[in-house]
Amino acid sequence: MTPWTPPRSITQYAESGAEAIHIAWRAPESFPTKTSRDLLHIARSPKLDDTDRTWYLHLTDFRFVGLPEVLTGIAVRVAANRRGRITDETLQLCLAGEPIGKNCADMDLSPVKIYGGETDLWSTQLAVGDLQDPTFGVLLRFQSHPHWPHKDSAILDVVELQIY
């Protein structure tokens, strides 16, 4: 098992056409980083709710130390101040700029969350060599909680990976 390892490269991007609608991150090149403005959820009706999303964070170049010979699992640790109202929208592995495997996003509001684990390969066919590729990483995006009206920012303290 490797130690928890942070990324060496963090970039952000918006969905095509949503640059002005979705919320960018301030200084995303390092942790902690905060949304550039509050995320908002306005409850009108299920079809007309207004639920904000952040820009995607693309975290890569992890430079793992002590990789195992055989890959059995991948864990991602996310520490964030979600203000009790900010949930995951996307939490997915990526390789060569493309999302791979399952999206592990959920509605849990815990300040520290661990996704995956010792025997979880995220429905991928990754090999140890793929993890050494600097384009391997995590794609992350938050959203306003869809059940509770609010106006809150998010602070992302750290994202780290551990390889089993």
Foldseek 3Di string as FASTA:
>chain_A
DFDWFFFQAKDWDADVPCPVPAWEWPPRNDPWIKTPFWWWWDPDDVVPIDKHKHTKIQGFHRPIDPADQWFFKKKKKWAKQCVVWKWWPFKAKDAPPGGDADGPTDGDRDRIDMPMDRRGPRPDPDTPVRNNPRNIDIMTMMMTHHPDGDIGMMITGGMTMDTD
